[in-house]
Every structure is written in structure tokens, then in C-alpha cells.
């Protein structure tokens, strides 16, 4: 998430496009990270025996795919917004 926000910041500062997009996506980044942290805290962790070594236990978090999807959507939207700002500068 930080690299996508850094590229947006670079484009906005290089072409003097203002701080609006940086502020908007910065706040969105904090909210996404907060949502991921809340999902991680509230998720169900399943402990089972590992298939590779039955003498050990493995932990599985059932919210990891959802958290990854949220972060991927943020990165994609930030990329599209950066591209839009760069094209119509």
C-alpha cells in the first residue's frame, strides 16, 4: 500500500496537482490498515496438525484472503487514480 501511495504523491508533487488526492488516499490507507487490523483481531484462527509433519501444529487464519482482497483493491484503485492524474495533468 505504501508504494502505491508514494507513486501517487510523486505524481501529485511533480506536476503540482495539489494535495487533495494525497490526503484522500492517505486517509483511505489508514482506514484500510485499520480494517485489516480489526479483521485480524476478530478472525478465527484454526489450529490443526500439519500435513507435512504430524508432530507439529499449524495455524490457519480464515480472514487472510479477505484482507488480501481489500489491500489489492486499494492498490488497484490508487493505481488507476494515479494514472488518471498523470494522463490529464
PDB file of N, CA and C in Angstrom:
ATOM      1  N   UNK A   1       0.809  -1.182   0.000  1.00  0.00           N
ATOM      2  CA  UNK A   1       0.000   0.000   0.000  1.00  0.00           C
ATOM      3  C   UNK A   1       0.861   1.257   0.000  1.00  0.00           C
ATOM      4  N   UNK A   2       1.945   1.228   0.720  1.00  0.00           N
ATOM      5  CA  UNK A   2       2.812   2.401   0.817  1.00  0.00           C
ATOM      6  C   UNK A   2       3.448   2.738  -0.538  1.00  0.00           C
ATOM      7  N   UNK A   3       3.930   1.760  -1.325  1.00  0.00           N
ATOM      8  CA  UNK A   3       4.480   2.132  -2.640  1.00  0.00           C
ATOM      9  C   UNK A   3       3.447   2.769  -3.565  1.00  0.00           C
ATOM     10  N   UNK A   4       2.210   2.306  -3.540  1.00  0.00           N
ATOM     11  CA  UNK A   4       1.204   2.916  -4.412  1.00  0.00           C
ATOM     12  C   UNK A   4       0.903   4.344  -3.967  1.00  0.00           C
ATOM     13  N   UNK A   5       0.885   4.584  -2.668  1.00  0.00           N
ATOM     14  CA  UNK A   5       0.678   5.938  -2.157  1.00  0.00           C
ATOM     15  C   UNK A   5       1.890   6.821  -2.456  1.00  0.00           C
ATOM     16  N   UNK A   6       3.087   6.245  -2.423  1.00  0.00           N
ATOM     17  CA  UNK A   6       4.295   7.009  -2.742  1.00  0.00           C
ATOM     18  C   UNK A   6       4.308   7.441  -4.205  1.00  0.00           C
ATOM     19  N   UNK A   7       3.877   6.582  -5.099  1.00  0.00           N
ATOM     20  CA  UNK A   7       3.824   6.942  -6.524  1.00  0.00           C
ATOM     21  C   UNK A   7       2.788   8.039  -6.750  1.00  0.00           C
ATOM     22  N   UNK A   8       1.639   7.947  -6.092  1.00  0.00           N
ATOM     23  CA  UNK A   8       0.628   8.996  -6.189  1.00  0.00           C
ATOM     24  C   UNK A   8       1.173  10.321  -5.679  1.00  0.00           C
ATOM     25  N   UNK A   9       1.898  10.294  -4.568  1.00  0.00           N
ATOM     26  CA  UNK A   9       2.494  11.505  -4.015  1.00  0.00           C
ATOM     27  C   UNK A   9       3.513  12.089  -4.980  1.00  0.00           C
ATOM     28  N   UNK A  10       4.318  11.241  -5.589  1.00  0.00           N
ATOM     29  CA  UNK A  10       5.313  11.705  -6.561  1.00  0.00           C
ATOM     30  C   UNK A  10       4.649  12.397  -7.742  1.00  0.00           C
ATOM     31  N   UNK A  11       3.611  11.797  -8.304  1.00  0.00           N
ATOM     32  CA  UNK A  11       2.935  12.379  -9.458  1.00  0.00           C
ATOM     33  C   UNK A  11       2.288  13.711  -9.081  1.00  0.00           C
ATOM     34  N   UNK A  12       1.652  13.757  -7.914  1.00  0.00           N
ATOM     35  CA  UNK A  12       0.981  14.993  -7.498  1.00  0.00           C
ATOM     36  C   UNK A  12       1.962  16.126  -7.229  1.00  0.00           C
ATOM     37  N   UNK A  13       3.116  15.805  -6.658  1.00  0.00           N
ATOM     38  CA  UNK A  13       4.084  16.868  -6.364  1.00  0.00           C
ATOM     39  C   UNK A  13       4.879  17.268  -7.601  1.00  0.00           C
ATOM     40  N   UNK A  14       5.203  16.326  -8.459  1.00  0.00           N
ATOM     41  CA  UNK A  14       5.989  16.666  -9.643  1.00  0.00           C
ATOM     42  C   UNK A  14       5.205  17.554 -10.597  1.00  0.00           C
ATOM     43  N   UNK A  15       3.936  17.250 -10.774  1.00  0.00           N
ATOM     44  CA  UNK A  15       3.120  18.011 -11.723  1.00  0.00           C
ATOM     45  C   UNK A  15       2.245  19.050 -11.038  1.00  0.00           C
ATOM     46  N   UNK A  16       2.486  19.320  -9.749  1.00  0.00           N
ATOM     47  CA  UNK A  16       1.788  20.355  -8.982  1.00  0.00           C
ATOM     48  C   UNK A  16       0.268  20.223  -9.121  1.00  0.00           C
ATOM     49  N   UNK A  17      -0.249  19.047  -8.759  1.00  0.00           N
ATOM     50  CA  UNK A  17      -1.673  18.757  -8.888  1.00  0.00           C
ATOM     51  C   UNK A  17      -2.437  18.980  -7.593  1.00  0.00           C
ATOM     52  N   UNK A  18      -1.772  19.452  -6.563  1.00  0.00           N
ATOM     53  CA  UNK A  18      -2.442  19.709  -5.299  1.00  0.00           C
ATOM     54  C   UNK A  18      -2.335  18.534  -4.338  1.00  0.00           C
ATOM     55  N   UNK A  19      -2.798  18.783  -3.134  1.00  0.00           N
ATOM     56  CA  UNK A  19      -2.695  17.773  -2.078  1.00  0.00           C
ATOM     57  C   UNK A  19      -3.980  16.987  -1.865  1.00  0.00           C
ATOM     58  N   UNK A  20      -5.028  17.288  -2.610  1.00  0.00           N
ATOM     59  CA  UNK A  20      -6.312  16.612  -2.423  1.00  0.00           C
ATOM     60  C   UNK A  20      -6.240  15.106  -2.570  1.00  0.00           C
ATOM     61  N   UNK A  21      -5.701  14.605  -3.690  1.00  0.00           N
ATOM     62  CA  UNK A  21      -5.610  13.142  -3.846  1.00  0.00           C
ATOM     63  C   UNK A  21      -4.704  12.486  -2.802  1.00  0.00           C
ATOM     64  N   UNK A  22      -3.629  13.170  -2.417  1.00  0.00           N
ATOM     65  CA  UNK A  22      -2.725  12.605  -1.417  1.00  0.00           C
ATOM     66  C   UNK A  22      -3.455  12.473  -0.083  1.00  0.00           C
ATOM     67  N   UNK A  23      -4.199  13.503   0.288  1.00  0.00           N
ATOM     68  CA  UNK A  23      -4.944  13.483   1.542  1.00  0.00           C
ATOM     69  C   UNK A  23      -6.028  12.402   1.512  1.00  0.00           C
ATOM     70  N   UNK A  24      -6.762  12.341   0.413  1.00  0.00           N
ATOM     71  CA  UNK A  24      -7.855  11.372   0.303  1.00  0.00           C
ATOM     72  C   UNK A  24      -7.346   9.939   0.389  1.00  0.00           C
ATOM     73  N   UNK A  25      -6.310   9.620  -0.392  1.00  0.00           N
ATOM     74  CA  UNK A  25      -5.807   8.254  -0.396  1.00  0.00           C
ATOM     75  C   UNK A  25      -4.963   7.949   0.837  1.00  0.00           C
ATOM     76  N   UNK A  26      -4.393   8.972   1.479  1.00  0.00           N
ATOM     77  CA  UNK A  26      -3.697   8.762   2.745  1.00  0.00           C
ATOM     78  C   UNK A  26      -4.668   8.361   3.844  1.00  0.00           C
ATOM     79  N   UNK A  27      -5.804   9.058   3.901  1.00  0.00           N
ATOM     80  CA  UNK A  27      -6.838   8.709   4.871  1.00  0.00           C
ATOM     81  C   UNK A  27      -7.400   7.322   4.565  1.00  0.00           C
ATOM     82  N   UNK A  28      -7.607   7.031   3.274  1.00  0.00           N
ATOM     83  CA  UNK A  28      -8.107   5.710   2.889  1.00  0.00           C
ATOM     84  C   UNK A  28      -7.112   4.620   3.274  1.00  0.00           C
ATOM     85  N   UNK A  29      -5.815   4.896   3.150  1.00  0.00           N
ATOM     86  CA  UNK A  29      -4.803   3.900   3.527  1.00  0.00           C
ATOM     87  C   UNK A  29      -4.870   3.595   5.017  1.00  0.00           C
ATOM     88  N   UNK A  30      -5.030   4.620   5.833  1.00  0.00           N
ATOM     89  CA  UNK A  30      -5.135   4.409   7.271  1.00  0.00           C
ATOM     90  C   UNK A  30      -6.393   3.603   7.599  1.00  0.00           C
ATOM     91  N   UNK A  31      -7.506   3.927   6.936  1.00  0.00           N
ATOM     92  CA  UNK A  31      -8.746   3.199   7.185  1.00  0.00           C
ATOM     93  C   UNK A  31      -8.640   1.740   6.748  1.00  0.00           C
ATOM     94  N   UNK A  32      -7.989   1.490   5.619  1.00  0.00           N
ATOM     95  CA  UNK A  32      -7.812   0.110   5.152  1.00  0.00           C
ATOM     96  C   UNK A  32      -6.933  -0.668   6.127  1.00  0.00           C
ATOM     97  N   UNK A  33      -5.848  -0.056   6.594  1.00  0.00           N
ATOM     98  CA  UNK A  33      -4.985  -0.733   7.564  1.00  0.00           C
ATOM     99  C   UNK A  33      -5.722  -0.993   8.879  1.00  0.00           C
ATOM    100  N   UNK A  34      -6.563  -0.050   9.297  1.00  0.00           N
ATOM    101  CA  UNK A  34      -7.362  -0.257  10.499  1.00  0.00           C
ATOM    102  C   UNK A  34      -8.354  -1.398  10.302  1.00  0.00           C
ATOM    103  N   UNK A  35      -8.985  -1.462   9.135  1.00  0.00           N
ATOM    104  CA  UNK A  35      -9.918  -2.543   8.844  1.00  0.00           C
ATOM    105  C   UNK A  35      -9.210  -3.897   8.832  1.00  0.00           C
ATOM    106  N   UNK A  36      -8.031  -3.951   8.249  1.00  0.00           N
ATOM    107  CA  UNK A  36      -7.261  -5.199   8.230  1.00  0.00           C
ATOM    108  C   UNK A  36      -6.869  -5.607   9.656  1.00  0.00           C
ATOM    109  N   UNK A  37      -6.482  -4.640  10.469  1.00  0.00           N
ATOM    110  CA  UNK A  37      -6.122  -4.952  11.856  1.00  0.00           C
ATOM    111  C   UNK A  37      -7.332  -5.464  12.636  1.00  0.00           C
ATOM    112  N   UNK A  38      -8.502  -4.844  12.425  1.00  0.00           N
ATOM    113  CA  UNK A  38      -9.705  -5.309  13.116  1.00  0.00           C
ATOM    114  C   UNK A  38     -10.112  -6.703  12.655  1.00  0.00           C
ATOM    115  N   UNK A  39     -10.004  -6.959  11.358  1.00  0.00           N
ATOM    116  CA  UNK A  39     -10.314  -8.305  10.855  1.00  0.00           C
ATOM    117  C   UNK A  39      -9.358  -9.340  11.419  1.00  0.00           C
ATOM    118  N   UNK A  40      -8.099  -8.967  11.517  1.00  0.00           N
ATOM    119  CA  UNK A  40      -7.109  -9.897  12.057  1.00  0.00           C
ATOM    120  C   UNK A  40      -7.380 -10.185  13.531  1.00  0.00           C
ATOM    121  N   UNK A  41      -7.777  -9.164  14.264  1.00  0.00           N
ATOM    122  CA  UNK A  41      -8.043  -9.365  15.689  1.00  0.00           C
ATOM    123  C   UNK A  41      -9.305 -10.189  15.927  1.00  0.00           C
ATOM    124  N   UNK A  42     -10.291 -10.023  15.047  1.00  0.00           N
ATOM    125  CA  UNK A  42     -11.574 -10.695  15.247  1.00  0.00           C
ATOM    126  C   UNK A  42     -11.693 -12.014  14.489  1.00  0.00           C
ATOM    127  N   UNK A  43     -10.680 -12.378  13.747  1.00  0.00           N
ATOM    128  CA  UNK A  43     -10.790 -13.578  12.918  1.00  0.00           C
ATOM    129  C   UNK A  43     -10.612 -14.844  13.743  1.00  0.00           C
ATOM    130  N   UNK A  44     -11.073 -15.904  13.161  1.00  0.00           N
ATOM    131  CA  UNK A  44     -10.993 -17.214  13.805  1.00  0.00           C
ATOM    132  C   UNK A  44      -9.715 -17.903  13.342  1.00  0.00           C
ATOM    133  N   UNK A  45      -8.874 -18.278  14.269  1.00  0.00           N
ATOM    134  CA  UNK A  45      -7.632 -18.983  13.947  1.00  0.00           C
ATOM    135  C   UNK A  45      -7.841 -20.455  14.254  1.00  0.00           C
ATOM    136  N   UNK A  46      -7.644 -21.271  13.249  1.00  0.00           N
ATOM    137  CA  UNK A  46      -7.848 -22.712  13.371  1.00  0.00           C
ATOM    138  C   UNK A  46      -6.487 -23.383  13.574  1.00  0.00           C
ATOM    139  N   UNK A  47      -6.380 -24.201  14.578  1.00  0.00           N
ATOM    140  CA  UNK A  47      -5.139 -24.928  14.853  1.00  0.00           C
ATOM    141  C   UNK A  47      -5.381 -26.397  14.549  1.00  0.00           C
ATOM    142  N   UNK A  48      -4.598 -26.923  13.612  1.00  0.00           N
ATOM    143  CA  UNK A  48      -4.700 -28.339  13.225  1.00  0.00           C
ATOM    144  C   UNK A  48      -3.294 -28.917  13.123  1.00  0.00           C
ATOM    145  N   UNK A  49      -3.244 -30.206  13.021  1.00  0.00           N
ATOM    146  CA  UNK A  49      -1.941 -30.852  12.807  1.00  0.00           C
ATOM    147  C   UNK A  49      -1.487 -30.609  11.373  1.00  0.00           C
ATOM    148  N   UNK A  50      -0.203 -30.352  11.205  1.00  0.00           N
ATOM    149  CA  UNK A  50       0.355 -30.094   9.879  1.00  0.00           C
ATOM    150  C   UNK A  50       0.342 -31.376   9.050  1.00  0.00           C
ATOM    151  N   UNK A  51       0.126 -31.218   7.756  1.00  0.00           N
ATOM    152  CA  UNK A  51       0.118 -32.394   6.884  1.00  0.00           C
ATOM    153  C   UNK A  51       1.539 -32.865   6.576  1.00  0.00           C
ATOM    154  N   UNK A  52       2.507 -31.943   6.593  1.00  0.00           N
ATOM    155  CA  UNK A  52       3.897 -32.333   6.314  1.00  0.00           C
ATOM    156  C   UNK A  52       4.525 -33.086   7.481  1.00  0.00           C
ATOM    157  N   UNK A  53       4.260 -32.596   8.680  1.00  0.00           N
ATOM    158  CA  UNK A  53       4.838 -33.191   9.880  1.00  0.00           C
ATOM    159  C   UNK A  53       3.746 -33.278  10.948  1.00  0.00           C
ATOM    160  N   UNK A  54       3.116 -34.427  11.113  1.00  0.00           N
ATOM    161  CA  UNK A  54       2.001 -34.558  12.059  1.00  0.00           C
ATOM    162  C   UNK A  54       2.355 -34.303  13.518  1.00  0.00           C
ATOM    163  N   UNK A  55       3.641 -34.219  13.830  1.00  0.00           N
ATOM    164  CA  UNK A  55       4.013 -33.952  15.216  1.00  0.00           C
ATOM    165  C   UNK A  55       3.938 -32.462  15.557  1.00  0.00           C
ATOM    166  N   UNK A  56       3.735 -31.619  14.537  1.00  0.00           N
ATOM    167  CA  UNK A  56       3.637 -30.181  14.762  1.00  0.00           C
ATOM    168  C   UNK A  56       2.222 -29.698  14.475  1.00  0.00           C
ATOM    169  N   UNK A  57       1.929 -28.495  14.973  1.00  0.00           N
ATOM    170  CA  UNK A  57       0.617 -27.887  14.751  1.00  0.00           C
ATOM    171  C   UNK A  57       0.760 -26.680  13.823  1.00  0.00           C
ATOM    172  N   UNK A  58      -0.230 -26.482  12.953  1.00  0.00           N
ATOM    173  CA  UNK A  58      -0.261 -25.341  12.034  1.00  0.00           C
ATOM    174  C   UNK A  58      -1.479 -24.484  12.362  1.00  0.00           C
ATOM    175  N   UNK A  59      -1.316 -23.173  12.202  1.00  0.00           N
ATOM    176  CA  UNK A  59      -2.413 -22.238  12.446  1.00  0.00           C
ATOM    177  C   UNK A  59      -2.878 -21.656  11.114  1.00  0.00           C
ATOM    178  N   UNK A  60      -4.178 -21.587  10.925  1.00  0.00           N
ATOM    179  CA  UNK A  60      -4.762 -21.020   9.716  1.00  0.00           C
ATOM    180  C   UNK A  60      -5.713 -19.900  10.116  1.00  0.00           C
ATOM    181  N   UNK A  61      -5.548 -18.746   9.472  1.00  0.00           N
ATOM    182  CA  UNK A  61      -6.416 -17.601   9.721  1.00  0.00           C
ATOM    183  C   UNK A  61      -7.431 -17.530   8.592  1.00  0.00           C
ATOM    184  N   UNK A  62      -8.713 -17.590   8.911  1.00  0.00           N
ATOM    185  CA  UNK A  62      -9.736 -17.657   7.876  1.00  0.00           C
ATOM    186  C   UNK A  62     -10.006 -16.309   7.194  1.00  0.00           C
ATOM    187  N   UNK A  63      -9.447 -15.203   7.687  1.00  0.00           N
ATOM    188  CA  UNK A  63      -9.708 -13.889   7.097  1.00  0.00           C
ATOM    189  C   UNK A  63      -8.592 -13.400   6.180  1.00  0.00           C
ATOM    190  N   UNK A  64      -7.543 -14.162   6.004  1.00  0.00           N
ATOM    191  CA  UNK A  64      -6.415 -13.705   5.200  1.00  0.00           C
ATOM    192  C   UNK A  64      -6.805 -13.423   3.747  1.00  0.00           C
ATOM    193  N   UNK A  65      -7.573 -14.268   3.068  1.00  0.00           N
ATOM    194  CA  UNK A  65      -7.943 -13.927   1.688  1.00  0.00           C
ATOM    195  C   UNK A  65      -8.764 -12.640   1.583  1.00  0.00           C
ATOM    196  N   UNK A  66      -9.644 -12.409   2.546  1.00  0.00           N
ATOM    197  CA  UNK A  66     -10.441 -11.186   2.533  1.00  0.00           C
ATOM    198  C   UNK A  66      -9.559  -9.963   2.762  1.00  0.00           C
ATOM    199  N   UNK A  67      -8.609 -10.058   3.679  1.00  0.00           N
ATOM    200  CA  UNK A  67      -7.698  -8.946   3.934  1.00  0.00           C
ATOM    201  C   UNK A  67      -6.840  -8.658   2.709  1.00  0.00           C
ATOM    202  N   UNK A  68      -6.366  -9.698   2.055  1.00  0.00           N
ATOM    203  CA  UNK A  68      -5.560  -9.515   0.848  1.00  0.00           C
ATOM    204  C   UNK A  68      -6.379  -8.872  -0.266  1.00  0.00           C
ATOM    205  N   UNK A  69      -7.648  -9.228  -0.363  1.00  0.00           N
ATOM    206  CA  UNK A  69      -8.511  -8.633  -1.380  1.00  0.00           C
ATOM    207  C   UNK A  69      -8.726  -7.151  -1.112  1.00  0.00           C
ATOM    208  N   UNK A  70      -8.921  -6.773   0.131  1.00  0.00           N
ATOM    209  CA  UNK A  70      -9.103  -5.364   0.478  1.00  0.00           C
ATOM    210  C   UNK A  70      -7.865  -4.554   0.108  1.00  0.00           C
ATOM    211  N   UNK A  71      -6.693  -5.054   0.445  1.00  0.00           N
ATOM    212  CA  UNK A  71      -5.454  -4.347   0.129  1.00  0.00           C
ATOM    213  C   UNK A  71      -5.242  -4.287  -1.380  1.00  0.00           C
ATOM    214  N   UNK A  72      -5.541  -5.362  -2.094  1.00  0.00           N
ATOM    215  CA  UNK A  72      -5.385  -5.365  -3.551  1.00  0.00           C
ATOM    216  C   UNK A  72      -6.319  -4.354  -4.204  1.00  0.00           C
ATOM    217  N   UNK A  73      -7.541  -4.253  -3.730  1.00  0.00           N
ATOM    218  CA  UNK A  73      -8.478  -3.262  -4.287  1.00  0.00           C
ATOM    219  C   UNK A  73      -7.955  -1.851  -4.045  1.00  0.00           C
ATOM    220  N   UNK A  74      -7.416  -1.579  -2.860  1.00  0.00           N
ATOM    221  CA  UNK A  74      -6.849  -0.261  -2.583  1.00  0.00           C
ATOM    222  C   UNK A  74      -5.700   0.055  -3.544  1.00  0.00           C
ATOM    223  N   UNK A  75      -4.800  -0.898  -3.739  1.00  0.00           N
ATOM    224  CA  UNK A  75      -3.655  -0.672  -4.620  1.00  0.00           C
ATOM    225  C   UNK A  75      -4.112  -0.442  -6.063  1.00  0.00           C
ATOM    226  N   UNK A  76      -5.093  -1.201  -6.526  1.00  0.00           N
ATOM    227  CA  UNK A  76      -5.583  -1.047  -7.896  1.00  0.00           C
ATOM    228  C   UNK A  76      -6.265   0.307  -8.075  1.00  0.00           C
ATOM    229  N   UNK A  77      -7.111   0.695  -7.132  1.00  0.00           N
ATOM    230  CA  UNK A  77      -7.794   1.992  -7.233  1.00  0.00           C
ATOM    231  C   UNK A  77      -6.789   3.140  -7.184  1.00  0.00           C
ATOM    232  N   UNK A  78      -5.797   3.042  -6.317  1.00  0.00           N
ATOM    233  CA  UNK A  78      -4.766   4.072  -6.257  1.00  0.00           C
ATOM    234  C   UNK A  78      -3.985   4.137  -7.564  1.00  0.00           C
ATOM    235  N   UNK A  79      -3.700   2.991  -8.152  1.00  0.00           N
ATOM    236  CA  UNK A  79      -3.005   2.970  -9.444  1.00  0.00           C
ATOM    237  C   UNK A  79      -3.815   3.616 -10.551  1.00  0.00           C
ATOM    238  N   UNK A  80      -5.118   3.324 -10.591  1.00  0.00           N
ATOM    239  CA  UNK A  80      -5.969   3.954 -11.601  1.00  0.00           C
ATOM    240  C   UNK A  80      -6.052   5.460 -11.394  1.00  0.00           C
ATOM    241  N   UNK A  81      -6.155   5.897 -10.140  1.00  0.00           N
ATOM    242  CA  UNK A  81      -6.226   7.339  -9.869  1.00  0.00           C
ATOM    243  C   UNK A  81      -4.919   8.024 -10.236  1.00  0.00           C
ATOM    244  N   UNK A  82      -3.794   7.388  -9.958  1.00  0.00           N
ATOM    245  CA  UNK A  82      -2.502   7.953 -10.324  1.00  0.00           C
ATOM    246  C   UNK A  82      -2.367   8.055 -11.831  1.00  0.00           C
ATOM    247  N   UNK A  83      -2.772   7.023 -12.525  1.00  0.00           N
ATOM    248  CA  UNK A  83      -2.727   7.037 -13.985  1.00  0.00           C
ATOM    249  C   UNK A  83      -3.628   8.144 -14.541  1.00  0.00           C
ATOM    250  N   UNK A  84      -4.813   8.294 -13.969  1.00  0.00           N
ATOM    251  CA  UNK A  84      -5.737   9.332 -14.408  1.00  0.00           C
ATOM    252  C   UNK A  84      -5.140  10.723 -14.189  1.00  0.00           C
ATOM    253  N   UNK A  85      -4.539  10.938 -13.031  1.00  0.00           N
ATOM    254  CA  UNK A  85      -3.911  12.244 -12.750  1.00  0.00           C
ATOM    255  C   UNK A  85      -2.750  12.504 -13.691  1.00  0.00           C
ATOM    256  N   UNK A  86      -1.976  11.469 -13.998  1.00  0.00           N
ATOM    257  CA  UNK A  86      -0.823  11.638 -14.878  1.00  0.00           C
ATOM    258  C   UNK A  86      -1.254  11.943 -16.311  1.00  0.00           C
ATOM    259  N   UNK A  87      -2.275  11.262 -16.805  1.00  0.00           N
ATOM    260  CA  UNK A  87      -2.727  11.465 -18.181  1.00  0.00           C
ATOM    261  C   UNK A  87      -3.358  12.841 -18.348  1.00  0.00           C
ATOM    262  N   UNK A  88      -4.178  13.262 -17.380  1.00  0.00           N
ATOM    263  CA  UNK A  88      -4.900  14.536 -17.506  1.00  0.00           C
ATOM    264  C   UNK A  88      -4.269  15.642 -16.672  1.00  0.00           C
ATOM    265  N   UNK A  89      -2.944  15.697 -16.642  1.00  0.00           N
ATOM    266  CA  UNK A  89      -2.258  16.707 -15.850  1.00  0.00           C
ATOM    267  C   UNK A  89      -2.304  18.086 -16.449  1.00  0.00           C
TER     268      UNK A  89
END
